[in-house]
Amino acid sequence: MDQTTKSRFSLLLSLLAALALCACSDARSDSPPLEGARLGGPFTLTNQDGRQVSSKVWEGQYRLVYFGFTYCPDVCPVDLQSIGQALRQLEKSDPEIAAKVQPIFITVDPERDNPAVLKEYVKAFHPRLIGLTGTPEQIASVAKAHGVYSAKAGDGGAKHYLVDHSRIVLLFGPKGEPIVIVPHEKGAEAIASELERWVA
């Protein structure tokens, strides 16, 4: 087993362990599925305006967190479009809920996704979507804390490579507590419905 496979397997085990923990913690239907899971945690990264920001700035808000990269040819833009559509839907149907949710895009490709690139990218999906980057070490640490795997894929050279990564959207509560893995693959309606269910 090579190092990349070991890293991917380790992150998968971490996520499965977190899910198992939260599944055992409380069987009530009104309990968040990720209650008690060891996911997330404080971090400091650089936003699309080039400013360092701490996760503490979102205390009191719900965070909708997605990991991806701007050069992603297919799934990332589709997923972010669904997130943006869901938030716009809520802004019309329940603006109070929408206002409590901060969407966040964290790159898994910090070598290419600098603040300027992120700024152009995130504005295409939602005006409140925040893009975050950092050093490779910072990104690796934040991704691991969120149970996200990523690694360069293929042999596209220094500029034209892809990044294999976990496709997951996580909802965190006002204190940074993990709540649920949002079923973004089902589209905007499913995302909006999940937010309506858990955002108080």
N, C-alpha and C. Protein backbone atom coordinates (compact mmCIF):
# COMPACT_ATOMS: atom_id res chain seq x y z
N MET A 1 0.85 -1.19 0.00
CA MET A 1 0.00 0.00 0.00
C MET A 1 0.89 1.24 0.00
N ASP A 2 0.75 2.09 -1.02
CA ASP A 2 1.58 3.29 -1.09
C ASP A 2 1.09 4.35 -0.11
N GLN A 3 1.86 5.46 0.01
CA GLN A 3 1.55 6.48 1.01
C GLN A 3 0.23 7.17 0.73
N THR A 4 -0.09 7.42 -0.54
CA THR A 4 -1.35 8.07 -0.89
C THR A 4 -2.53 7.21 -0.49
N THR A 5 -2.43 5.91 -0.78
CA THR A 5 -3.52 4.99 -0.41
C THR A 5 -3.66 4.90 1.10
N LYS A 6 -2.53 4.88 1.81
CA LYS A 6 -2.58 4.84 3.27
C LYS A 6 -3.26 6.08 3.83
N SER A 7 -2.93 7.25 3.26
CA SER A 7 -3.53 8.50 3.73
C SER A 7 -5.03 8.50 3.49
N ARG A 8 -5.41 8.06 2.30
CA ARG A 8 -6.84 8.03 1.96
C ARG A 8 -7.58 7.07 2.88
N PHE A 9 -6.98 5.89 3.13
CA PHE A 9 -7.60 4.89 3.98
C PHE A 9 -7.73 5.41 5.40
N SER A 10 -6.69 6.11 5.87
CA SER A 10 -6.71 6.65 7.23
C SER A 10 -7.82 7.68 7.41
N LEU A 11 -7.99 8.57 6.42
CA LEU A 11 -9.04 9.59 6.50
C LEU A 11 -10.42 8.95 6.43
N LEU A 12 -10.55 7.91 5.60
CA LEU A 12 -11.82 7.21 5.50
C LEU A 12 -12.18 6.56 6.83
N LEU A 13 -11.19 5.94 7.47
CA LEU A 13 -11.43 5.33 8.77
C LEU A 13 -11.82 6.36 9.81
N SER A 14 -11.19 7.54 9.75
CA SER A 14 -11.51 8.61 10.69
C SER A 14 -12.96 9.06 10.53
N LEU A 15 -13.39 9.22 9.27
CA LEU A 15 -14.76 9.65 9.01
C LEU A 15 -15.74 8.58 9.44
N LEU A 16 -15.44 7.31 9.14
CA LEU A 16 -16.33 6.22 9.53
C LEU A 16 -16.41 6.11 11.05
N ALA A 17 -15.29 6.31 11.72
CA ALA A 17 -15.28 6.27 13.19
C ALA A 17 -16.15 7.37 13.76
N ALA A 18 -16.04 8.55 13.16
CA ALA A 18 -16.85 9.68 13.61
C ALA A 18 -18.33 9.39 13.42
N LEU A 19 -18.68 8.82 12.28
CA LEU A 19 -20.07 8.50 12.01
C LEU A 19 -20.58 7.41 12.95
N ALA A 20 -19.73 6.43 13.23
CA ALA A 20 -20.12 5.36 14.15
C ALA A 20 -20.35 5.92 15.55
N LEU A 21 -19.48 6.83 15.97
CA LEU A 21 -19.62 7.45 17.28
C LEU A 21 -20.93 8.19 17.40
N CYS A 22 -21.25 8.99 16.37
CA CYS A 22 -22.46 9.79 16.47
C CYS A 22 -23.70 8.92 16.35
N ALA A 23 -23.60 7.80 15.63
CA ALA A 23 -24.74 6.90 15.49
C ALA A 23 -25.06 6.22 16.81
N CYS A 24 -23.99 5.97 17.59
CA CYS A 24 -24.18 5.30 18.87
C CYS A 24 -24.55 6.26 19.98
N SER A 25 -24.33 7.54 19.77
CA SER A 25 -24.49 8.50 20.87
C SER A 25 -25.95 8.74 21.21
N ASP A 26 -26.82 8.70 20.21
CA ASP A 26 -28.22 9.01 20.47
C ASP A 26 -29.06 8.54 19.30
N ALA A 27 -30.01 7.69 19.54
CA ALA A 27 -30.82 7.12 18.47
C ALA A 27 -32.07 7.93 18.19
N ARG A 28 -32.31 9.02 18.92
CA ARG A 28 -33.51 9.82 18.69
C ARG A 28 -33.49 10.45 17.32
N SER A 29 -34.65 10.51 16.70
CA SER A 29 -34.73 11.03 15.34
C SER A 29 -34.47 12.53 15.27
N ASP A 30 -34.62 13.22 16.42
CA ASP A 30 -34.40 14.66 16.40
C ASP A 30 -32.96 15.04 16.74
N SER A 31 -32.10 14.05 16.90
CA SER A 31 -30.69 14.32 17.19
C SER A 31 -29.92 14.47 15.88
N PRO A 32 -29.02 15.44 15.81
CA PRO A 32 -28.21 15.58 14.60
C PRO A 32 -27.42 14.31 14.32
N PRO A 33 -27.38 13.86 13.07
CA PRO A 33 -26.66 12.62 12.74
C PRO A 33 -25.19 12.63 13.12
N LEU A 34 -24.55 13.81 13.11
CA LEU A 34 -23.13 13.87 13.44
C LEU A 34 -22.86 14.33 14.88
N GLU A 35 -23.89 14.31 15.69
CA GLU A 35 -23.73 14.74 17.08
C GLU A 35 -22.64 13.92 17.77
N GLY A 36 -21.66 14.59 18.34
CA GLY A 36 -20.57 13.92 19.04
C GLY A 36 -19.42 13.48 18.15
N ALA A 37 -19.54 13.68 16.84
CA ALA A 37 -18.48 13.27 15.93
C ALA A 37 -17.27 14.20 16.07
N ARG A 38 -16.09 13.64 15.87
CA ARG A 38 -14.86 14.44 15.95
C ARG A 38 -14.52 14.96 14.55
N LEU A 39 -15.24 15.95 14.13
CA LEU A 39 -15.04 16.56 12.82
C LEU A 39 -14.96 18.07 12.96
N GLY A 40 -14.13 18.70 12.14
CA GLY A 40 -14.03 20.15 12.19
C GLY A 40 -12.99 20.61 13.19
N GLY A 41 -13.27 21.73 13.81
CA GLY A 41 -12.33 22.31 14.75
C GLY A 41 -11.84 23.66 14.27
N PRO A 42 -11.19 24.42 15.14
CA PRO A 42 -10.72 25.77 14.78
C PRO A 42 -9.63 25.74 13.73
N PHE A 43 -9.61 26.77 12.90
CA PHE A 43 -8.56 26.90 11.89
C PHE A 43 -8.40 28.36 11.51
N THR A 44 -7.26 28.66 10.90
CA THR A 44 -7.01 29.98 10.33
C THR A 44 -6.50 29.80 8.90
N LEU A 45 -7.18 30.41 7.93
CA LEU A 45 -6.81 30.31 6.53
C LEU A 45 -6.88 31.71 5.90
N THR A 46 -6.64 31.78 4.61
CA THR A 46 -6.65 33.06 3.89
C THR A 46 -7.87 33.12 2.98
N ASN A 47 -8.64 34.21 3.06
CA ASN A 47 -9.85 34.29 2.25
C ASN A 47 -9.56 34.86 0.86
N GLN A 48 -10.61 34.99 0.06
CA GLN A 48 -10.46 35.42 -1.33
C GLN A 48 -10.01 36.87 -1.47
N ASP A 49 -10.02 37.61 -0.37
CA ASP A 49 -9.52 38.98 -0.38
C ASP A 49 -8.08 39.08 0.10
N GLY A 50 -7.49 37.93 0.36
CA GLY A 50 -6.09 37.91 0.79
C GLY A 50 -5.90 38.14 2.27
N ARG A 51 -6.99 38.13 3.03
CA ARG A 51 -6.89 38.36 4.48
C ARG A 51 -6.94 37.04 5.25
N GLN A 52 -6.14 36.94 6.29
CA GLN A 52 -6.20 35.77 7.15
C GLN A 52 -7.47 35.85 7.99
N VAL A 53 -8.20 34.74 8.04
CA VAL A 53 -9.42 34.70 8.84
C VAL A 53 -9.44 33.45 9.70
N SER A 54 -9.96 33.60 10.89
CA SER A 54 -10.10 32.47 11.81
C SER A 54 -11.53 31.97 11.76
N SER A 55 -11.69 30.69 11.97
CA SER A 55 -13.04 30.11 12.01
C SER A 55 -13.87 30.73 13.13
N LYS A 56 -13.22 31.40 14.07
CA LYS A 56 -13.94 32.04 15.17
C LYS A 56 -14.88 33.15 14.68
N VAL A 57 -14.58 33.71 13.51
CA VAL A 57 -15.43 34.80 13.01
C VAL A 57 -16.83 34.32 12.67
N TRP A 58 -17.02 33.02 12.54
CA TRP A 58 -18.34 32.49 12.20
C TRP A 58 -19.05 31.89 13.42
N GLU A 59 -18.52 32.14 14.60
CA GLU A 59 -19.21 31.67 15.80
C GLU A 59 -20.58 32.33 15.87
N GLY A 60 -21.58 31.55 16.14
CA GLY A 60 -22.95 32.05 16.17
C GLY A 60 -23.69 31.81 14.86
N GLN A 61 -22.95 31.41 13.83
CA GLN A 61 -23.55 31.09 12.54
C GLN A 61 -23.41 29.61 12.24
N TYR A 62 -24.30 29.13 11.38
CA TYR A 62 -24.15 27.78 10.85
C TYR A 62 -23.19 27.86 9.67
N ARG A 63 -22.32 26.84 9.54
CA ARG A 63 -21.36 26.83 8.44
C ARG A 63 -21.65 25.65 7.52
N LEU A 64 -21.77 25.95 6.24
CA LEU A 64 -21.95 24.93 5.22
C LEU A 64 -20.62 24.82 4.48
N VAL A 65 -19.87 23.74 4.73
CA VAL A 65 -18.48 23.65 4.28
C VAL A 65 -18.32 22.62 3.16
N TYR A 66 -17.69 23.06 2.08
CA TYR A 66 -17.42 22.19 0.94
C TYR A 66 -15.95 22.31 0.54
N PHE A 67 -15.31 21.18 0.29
CA PHE A 67 -13.92 21.14 -0.16
C PHE A 67 -13.88 20.81 -1.65
N GLY A 68 -13.06 21.54 -2.41
CA GLY A 68 -12.93 21.28 -3.83
C GLY A 68 -11.79 22.11 -4.39
N PHE A 69 -11.79 22.34 -5.71
CA PHE A 69 -10.74 23.17 -6.30
C PHE A 69 -11.27 23.83 -7.57
N THR A 70 -10.74 24.99 -7.89
CA THR A 70 -11.31 25.80 -8.97
C THR A 70 -11.09 25.21 -10.35
N TYR A 71 -10.06 24.39 -10.51
CA TYR A 71 -9.80 23.76 -11.80
C TYR A 71 -10.59 22.47 -11.99
N CYS A 72 -11.43 22.14 -11.04
CA CYS A 72 -12.27 20.94 -11.11
C CYS A 72 -13.18 21.04 -12.33
N PRO A 73 -13.14 20.06 -13.22
CA PRO A 73 -13.88 20.18 -14.48
C PRO A 73 -15.36 19.85 -14.39
N ASP A 74 -15.81 19.17 -13.33
CA ASP A 74 -17.20 18.74 -13.33
C ASP A 74 -17.89 18.83 -11.98
N VAL A 75 -17.55 17.97 -11.03
CA VAL A 75 -18.36 17.85 -9.82
C VAL A 75 -18.36 19.11 -8.94
N CYS A 76 -17.22 19.77 -8.81
CA CYS A 76 -17.17 20.94 -7.92
C CYS A 76 -18.12 22.06 -8.37
N PRO A 77 -18.09 22.47 -9.63
CA PRO A 77 -19.03 23.52 -10.04
C PRO A 77 -20.48 23.10 -9.94
N VAL A 78 -20.77 21.83 -10.19
CA VAL A 78 -22.14 21.34 -10.07
C VAL A 78 -22.60 21.40 -8.61
N ASP A 79 -21.74 20.93 -7.71
CA ASP A 79 -22.08 20.94 -6.29
C ASP A 79 -22.24 22.36 -5.75
N LEU A 80 -21.33 23.24 -6.12
CA LEU A 80 -21.41 24.63 -5.66
C LEU A 80 -22.63 25.35 -6.24
N GLN A 81 -22.98 25.00 -7.46
CA GLN A 81 -24.18 25.58 -8.05
C GLN A 81 -25.42 25.15 -7.27
N SER A 82 -25.46 23.89 -6.86
CA SER A 82 -26.59 23.40 -6.06
C SER A 82 -26.66 24.10 -4.72
N ILE A 83 -25.50 24.31 -4.10
CA ILE A 83 -25.46 25.02 -2.82
C ILE A 83 -25.97 26.45 -2.99
N GLY A 84 -25.50 27.12 -4.03
CA GLY A 84 -25.94 28.49 -4.29
C GLY A 84 -27.43 28.57 -4.57
N GLN A 85 -27.96 27.62 -5.34
CA GLN A 85 -29.39 27.60 -5.65
C GLN A 85 -30.21 27.36 -4.39
N ALA A 86 -29.72 26.47 -3.53
CA ALA A 86 -30.43 26.18 -2.28
C ALA A 86 -30.51 27.42 -1.40
N LEU A 87 -29.41 28.15 -1.31
CA LEU A 87 -29.41 29.36 -0.48
C LEU A 87 -30.32 30.44 -1.07
N ARG A 88 -30.33 30.57 -2.37
CA ARG A 88 -31.22 31.55 -3.01
C ARG A 88 -32.69 31.16 -2.78
N GLN A 89 -32.95 29.88 -2.83
CA GLN A 89 -34.31 29.40 -2.56
C GLN A 89 -34.74 29.76 -1.15
N LEU A 90 -33.84 29.54 -0.19
CA LEU A 90 -34.15 29.86 1.21
C LEU A 90 -34.25 31.36 1.43
N GLU A 91 -33.46 32.13 0.70
CA GLU A 91 -33.53 33.59 0.83
C GLU A 91 -34.90 34.12 0.43
N LYS A 92 -35.59 33.37 -0.42
CA LYS A 92 -36.95 33.75 -0.82
C LYS A 92 -38.00 33.16 0.12
N SER A 93 -37.85 31.88 0.46
CA SER A 93 -38.87 31.20 1.25
C SER A 93 -38.72 31.41 2.75
N ASP A 94 -37.49 31.50 3.25
CA ASP A 94 -37.23 31.67 4.68
C ASP A 94 -35.93 32.43 4.88
N PRO A 95 -35.96 33.73 4.66
CA PRO A 95 -34.73 34.53 4.74
C PRO A 95 -34.03 34.48 6.10
N GLU A 96 -34.78 34.24 7.17
CA GLU A 96 -34.15 34.17 8.49
C GLU A 96 -33.21 32.97 8.58
N ILE A 97 -33.64 31.84 8.04
CA ILE A 97 -32.79 30.65 8.03
C ILE A 97 -31.58 30.89 7.14
N ALA A 98 -31.81 31.42 5.95
CA ALA A 98 -30.72 31.65 5.00
C ALA A 98 -29.65 32.56 5.59
N ALA A 99 -30.06 33.57 6.33
CA ALA A 99 -29.12 34.53 6.90
C ALA A 99 -28.23 33.91 7.97
N LYS A 100 -28.67 32.81 8.55
CA LYS A 100 -27.89 32.15 9.60
C LYS A 100 -26.83 31.20 9.05
N VAL A 101 -26.86 30.96 7.74
CA VAL A 101 -25.95 29.98 7.13
C VAL A 101 -24.83 30.68 6.36
N GLN A 102 -23.59 30.36 6.70
CA GLN A 102 -22.44 30.89 5.97
C GLN A 102 -21.85 29.79 5.10
N PRO A 103 -21.97 29.91 3.76
CA PRO A 103 -21.36 28.91 2.88
C PRO A 103 -19.86 29.16 2.74
N ILE A 104 -19.08 28.08 2.81
CA ILE A 104 -17.62 28.18 2.77
C ILE A 104 -17.06 27.14 1.81
N PHE A 105 -16.20 27.60 0.91
CA PHE A 105 -15.50 26.73 -0.03
C PHE A 105 -14.02 26.72 0.34
N ILE A 106 -13.49 25.54 0.68
CA ILE A 106 -12.08 25.42 1.03
C ILE A 106 -11.37 24.64 -0.07
N THR A 107 -10.35 25.25 -0.65
CA THR A 107 -9.65 24.58 -1.74
C THR A 107 -8.78 23.43 -1.24
N VAL A 108 -8.67 22.40 -2.07
CA VAL A 108 -7.73 21.32 -1.80
C VAL A 108 -6.54 21.44 -2.76
N ASP A 109 -6.46 22.58 -3.44
CA ASP A 109 -5.40 22.83 -4.42
C ASP A 109 -4.77 24.21 -4.18
N PRO A 110 -4.14 24.38 -3.02
CA PRO A 110 -3.61 25.71 -2.67
C PRO A 110 -2.49 26.19 -3.58
N GLU A 111 -1.85 25.28 -4.30
CA GLU A 111 -0.76 25.70 -5.19
C GLU A 111 -1.26 26.57 -6.33
N ARG A 112 -2.47 26.30 -6.81
CA ARG A 112 -3.03 27.09 -7.91
C ARG A 112 -4.12 28.05 -7.43
N ASP A 113 -4.84 27.66 -6.39
CA ASP A 113 -5.97 28.47 -5.93
C ASP A 113 -5.53 29.55 -4.94
N ASN A 114 -4.95 30.60 -5.49
CA ASN A 114 -4.58 31.73 -4.65
C ASN A 114 -5.81 32.62 -4.44
N PRO A 115 -5.75 33.64 -3.59
CA PRO A 115 -6.93 34.47 -3.32
C PRO A 115 -7.57 35.07 -4.57
N ALA A 116 -6.77 35.54 -5.50
CA ALA A 116 -7.32 36.16 -6.71
C ALA A 116 -8.13 35.17 -7.53
N VAL A 117 -7.63 33.95 -7.65
CA VAL A 117 -8.34 32.90 -8.39
C VAL A 117 -9.63 32.55 -7.67
N LEU A 118 -9.55 32.41 -6.36
CA LEU A 118 -10.75 32.08 -5.58
C LEU A 118 -11.82 33.17 -5.68
N LYS A 119 -11.38 34.42 -5.69
CA LYS A 119 -12.33 35.53 -5.72
C LYS A 119 -13.18 35.49 -6.98
N GLU A 120 -12.55 35.21 -8.11
CA GLU A 120 -13.29 35.12 -9.37
C GLU A 120 -14.21 33.91 -9.38
N TYR A 121 -13.76 32.86 -8.74
CA TYR A 121 -14.50 31.59 -8.77
C TYR A 121 -15.76 31.62 -7.90
N VAL A 122 -15.61 32.01 -6.64
CA VAL A 122 -16.73 31.88 -5.71
C VAL A 122 -17.89 32.82 -6.05
N LYS A 123 -17.58 33.97 -6.65
CA LYS A 123 -18.66 34.92 -6.95
C LYS A 123 -19.61 34.40 -8.03
N ALA A 124 -19.20 33.35 -8.72
CA ALA A 124 -20.05 32.77 -9.76
C ALA A 124 -21.18 31.92 -9.17
N PHE A 125 -21.08 31.58 -7.89
CA PHE A 125 -22.05 30.66 -7.30
C PHE A 125 -23.00 31.30 -6.30
N HIS A 126 -22.48 32.18 -5.46
CA HIS A 126 -23.34 32.89 -4.51
C HIS A 126 -22.56 34.08 -3.95
N PRO A 127 -23.19 35.23 -3.79
CA PRO A 127 -22.46 36.42 -3.31
C PRO A 127 -21.90 36.28 -1.90
N ARG A 128 -22.43 35.38 -1.10
CA ARG A 128 -21.92 35.22 0.26
C ARG A 128 -20.96 34.04 0.41
N LEU A 129 -20.71 33.33 -0.68
CA LEU A 129 -19.79 32.19 -0.61
C LEU A 129 -18.37 32.69 -0.36
N ILE A 130 -17.75 32.17 0.69
CA ILE A 130 -16.38 32.54 1.04
C ILE A 130 -15.43 31.47 0.54
N GLY A 131 -14.36 31.90 -0.14
CA GLY A 131 -13.32 30.97 -0.59
C GLY A 131 -12.12 31.06 0.33
N LEU A 132 -11.58 29.92 0.71
CA LEU A 132 -10.44 29.87 1.62
C LEU A 132 -9.29 29.05 1.04
N THR A 133 -8.09 29.55 1.21
CA THR A 133 -6.88 28.84 0.81
C THR A 133 -5.85 28.98 1.91
N GLY A 134 -4.65 28.51 1.67
CA GLY A 134 -3.59 28.57 2.68
C GLY A 134 -2.37 27.86 2.16
N THR A 135 -1.44 27.57 3.03
CA THR A 135 -0.28 26.78 2.64
C THR A 135 -0.72 25.33 2.46
N PRO A 136 0.04 24.54 1.71
CA PRO A 136 -0.31 23.12 1.60
C PRO A 136 -0.45 22.44 2.96
N GLU A 137 0.39 22.84 3.90
CA GLU A 137 0.34 22.23 5.24
C GLU A 137 -0.95 22.62 5.96
N GLN A 138 -1.34 23.89 5.85
CA GLN A 138 -2.58 24.34 6.48
C GLN A 138 -3.80 23.62 5.89
N ILE A 139 -3.83 23.53 4.57
CA ILE A 139 -4.95 22.89 3.90
C ILE A 139 -5.02 21.41 4.27
N ALA A 140 -3.88 20.75 4.29
CA ALA A 140 -3.84 19.33 4.65
C ALA A 140 -4.38 19.11 6.07
N SER A 141 -4.02 20.01 6.98
CA SER A 141 -4.47 19.89 8.37
C SER A 141 -5.98 20.10 8.49
N VAL A 142 -6.50 21.13 7.80
CA VAL A 142 -7.93 21.41 7.86
C VAL A 142 -8.73 20.29 7.20
N ALA A 143 -8.25 19.80 6.07
CA ALA A 143 -8.94 18.72 5.38
C ALA A 143 -9.00 17.47 6.26
N LYS A 144 -7.90 17.14 6.88
CA LYS A 144 -7.86 15.97 7.75
C LYS A 144 -8.84 16.11 8.91
N ALA A 145 -8.89 17.31 9.50
CA ALA A 145 -9.80 17.54 10.62
C ALA A 145 -11.25 17.39 10.21
N HIS A 146 -11.55 17.62 8.92
CA HIS A 146 -12.91 17.51 8.42
C HIS A 146 -13.19 16.15 7.77
N GLY A 147 -12.24 15.23 7.86
CA GLY A 147 -12.42 13.90 7.29
C GLY A 147 -12.38 13.89 5.78
N VAL A 148 -11.66 14.85 5.19
CA VAL A 148 -11.61 14.98 3.73
C VAL A 148 -10.26 14.50 3.19
N TYR A 149 -10.32 13.66 2.17
CA TYR A 149 -9.13 13.16 1.49
C TYR A 149 -8.88 13.97 0.23
N SER A 150 -7.62 14.23 -0.10
CA SER A 150 -7.29 14.84 -1.39
C SER A 150 -5.87 14.46 -1.79
N ALA A 151 -5.67 14.34 -3.11
CA ALA A 151 -4.34 14.03 -3.64
C ALA A 151 -4.32 14.35 -5.12
N LYS A 152 -3.18 14.82 -5.61
CA LYS A 152 -3.04 15.07 -7.04
C LYS A 152 -3.26 13.77 -7.80
N ALA A 153 -3.94 13.88 -8.93
CA ALA A 153 -4.25 12.70 -9.73
C ALA A 153 -3.75 12.87 -11.15
N GLY A 154 -3.34 11.77 -11.76
CA GLY A 154 -2.94 11.80 -13.16
C GLY A 154 -1.54 12.38 -13.34
N ASP A 155 -1.18 12.58 -14.59
CA ASP A 155 0.14 13.08 -14.93
C ASP A 155 0.00 14.27 -15.88
N GLY A 156 -0.65 15.33 -15.38
CA GLY A 156 -0.91 16.48 -16.22
C GLY A 156 0.17 17.54 -16.17
N GLY A 157 1.27 17.23 -15.50
CA GLY A 157 2.35 18.21 -15.43
C GLY A 157 2.13 19.20 -14.30
N ALA A 158 2.97 20.20 -14.25
CA ALA A 158 2.99 21.14 -13.14
C ALA A 158 1.73 21.99 -13.06
N LYS A 159 1.07 22.26 -14.19
CA LYS A 159 -0.08 23.15 -14.18
C LYS A 159 -1.40 22.48 -14.52
N HIS A 160 -1.35 21.37 -15.20
CA HIS A 160 -2.57 20.79 -15.74
C HIS A 160 -2.92 19.46 -15.09
N TYR A 161 -2.86 19.41 -13.77
CA TYR A 161 -3.21 18.19 -13.05
C TYR A 161 -4.63 18.33 -12.47
N LEU A 162 -5.19 17.21 -12.07
CA LEU A 162 -6.46 17.19 -11.35
C LEU A 162 -6.19 16.84 -9.90
N VAL A 163 -7.18 17.03 -9.05
CA VAL A 163 -7.04 16.66 -7.64
C VAL A 163 -8.19 15.73 -7.27
N ASP A 164 -7.83 14.54 -6.88
CA ASP A 164 -8.82 13.57 -6.40
C ASP A 164 -9.18 13.96 -4.96
N HIS A 165 -10.47 14.09 -4.66
CA HIS A 165 -10.85 14.52 -3.31
C HIS A 165 -12.22 14.00 -2.91
N SER A 166 -12.46 13.98 -1.61
CA SER A 166 -13.76 13.59 -1.08
C SER A 166 -14.81 14.58 -1.55
N ARG A 167 -15.97 14.09 -1.89
CA ARG A 167 -17.08 14.94 -2.31
C ARG A 167 -18.09 14.96 -1.17
N ILE A 168 -18.00 15.98 -0.35
CA ILE A 168 -18.80 16.02 0.88
C ILE A 168 -19.14 17.46 1.25
N VAL A 169 -20.36 17.66 1.75
CA VAL A 169 -20.78 18.96 2.27
C VAL A 169 -21.16 18.76 3.73
N LEU A 170 -20.52 19.50 4.60
CA LEU A 170 -20.76 19.36 6.04
C LEU A 170 -21.45 20.60 6.59
N LEU A 171 -22.44 20.37 7.44
CA LEU A 171 -23.10 21.48 8.14
C LEU A 171 -22.65 21.48 9.58
N PHE A 172 -22.14 22.64 10.02
CA PHE A 172 -21.71 22.82 11.41
C PHE A 172 -22.61 23.84 12.08
N GLY A 173 -22.80 23.68 13.39
CA GLY A 173 -23.66 24.56 14.14
C GLY A 173 -22.98 25.83 14.62
N PRO A 174 -23.70 26.66 15.37
CA PRO A 174 -23.18 27.96 15.83
C PRO A 174 -21.93 27.89 16.70
N LYS A 175 -21.70 26.75 17.34
CA LYS A 175 -20.51 26.58 18.16
C LYS A 175 -19.43 25.77 17.44
N GLY A 176 -19.65 25.52 16.15
CA GLY A 176 -18.70 24.73 15.38
C GLY A 176 -18.92 23.25 15.48
N GLU A 177 -20.04 22.84 16.08
CA GLU A 177 -20.32 21.43 16.25
C GLU A 177 -20.84 20.81 14.95
N PRO A 178 -20.37 19.61 14.59
CA PRO A 178 -20.86 18.97 13.37
C PRO A 178 -22.31 18.52 13.53
N ILE A 179 -23.11 18.77 12.50
CA ILE A 179 -24.53 18.44 12.56
C ILE A 179 -24.91 17.32 11.60
N VAL A 180 -24.57 17.51 10.31
CA VAL A 180 -25.03 16.54 9.33
C VAL A 180 -24.19 16.63 8.05
N ILE A 181 -24.10 15.51 7.34
CA ILE A 181 -23.56 15.50 5.98
C ILE A 181 -24.74 15.80 5.07
N VAL A 182 -24.68 16.91 4.37
CA VAL A 182 -25.80 17.37 3.55
C VAL A 182 -25.84 16.59 2.22
N PRO A 183 -27.00 16.07 1.84
CA PRO A 183 -27.12 15.26 0.61
C PRO A 183 -27.12 16.13 -0.65
N HIS A 184 -26.00 16.77 -0.92
CA HIS A 184 -25.91 17.71 -2.03
C HIS A 184 -26.06 17.03 -3.39
N GLU A 185 -25.76 15.72 -3.43
CA GLU A 185 -25.87 15.01 -4.70
C GLU A 185 -27.32 14.90 -5.18
N LYS A 186 -28.26 15.22 -4.29
CA LYS A 186 -29.68 15.18 -4.65
C LYS A 186 -30.19 16.53 -5.13
N GLY A 187 -29.31 17.53 -5.15
CA GLY A 187 -29.67 18.82 -5.71
C GLY A 187 -30.08 19.86 -4.69
N ALA A 188 -30.43 21.04 -5.21
CA ALA A 188 -30.72 22.21 -4.39
C ALA A 188 -31.89 21.99 -3.43
N GLU A 189 -32.93 21.32 -3.90
CA GLU A 189 -34.11 21.11 -3.05
C GLU A 189 -33.73 20.33 -1.79
N ALA A 190 -32.91 19.29 -1.97
CA ALA A 190 -32.51 18.47 -0.83
C ALA A 190 -31.63 19.25 0.14
N ILE A 191 -30.76 20.10 -0.39
CA ILE A 191 -29.91 20.92 0.47
C ILE A 191 -30.76 21.90 1.27
N ALA A 192 -31.68 22.56 0.60
CA ALA A 192 -32.56 23.53 1.29
C ALA A 192 -33.39 22.84 2.36
N SER A 193 -33.89 21.66 2.04
CA SER A 193 -34.71 20.92 3.00
C SER A 193 -33.91 20.55 4.25
N GLU A 194 -32.65 20.14 4.03
CA GLU A 194 -31.80 19.77 5.17
C GLU A 194 -31.48 20.98 6.03
N LEU A 195 -31.26 22.12 5.40
CA LEU A 195 -31.00 23.33 6.16
C LEU A 195 -32.23 23.76 6.95
N GLU A 196 -33.40 23.65 6.34
CA GLU A 196 -34.63 23.98 7.05
C GLU A 196 -34.84 23.08 8.26
N ARG A 197 -34.38 21.85 8.15
CA ARG A 197 -34.55 20.88 9.24
C ARG A 197 -33.65 21.19 10.44
N TRP A 198 -32.39 21.60 10.16
CA TRP A 198 -31.42 21.68 11.25
C TRP A 198 -31.06 23.08 11.69
N VAL A 199 -31.31 24.09 10.86
CA VAL A 199 -30.95 25.45 11.26
C VAL A 199 -32.06 26.05 12.10
N ALA A 200 -31.73 26.38 13.33
CA ALA A 200 -32.74 26.88 14.26
C ALA A 200 -32.72 28.41 14.32
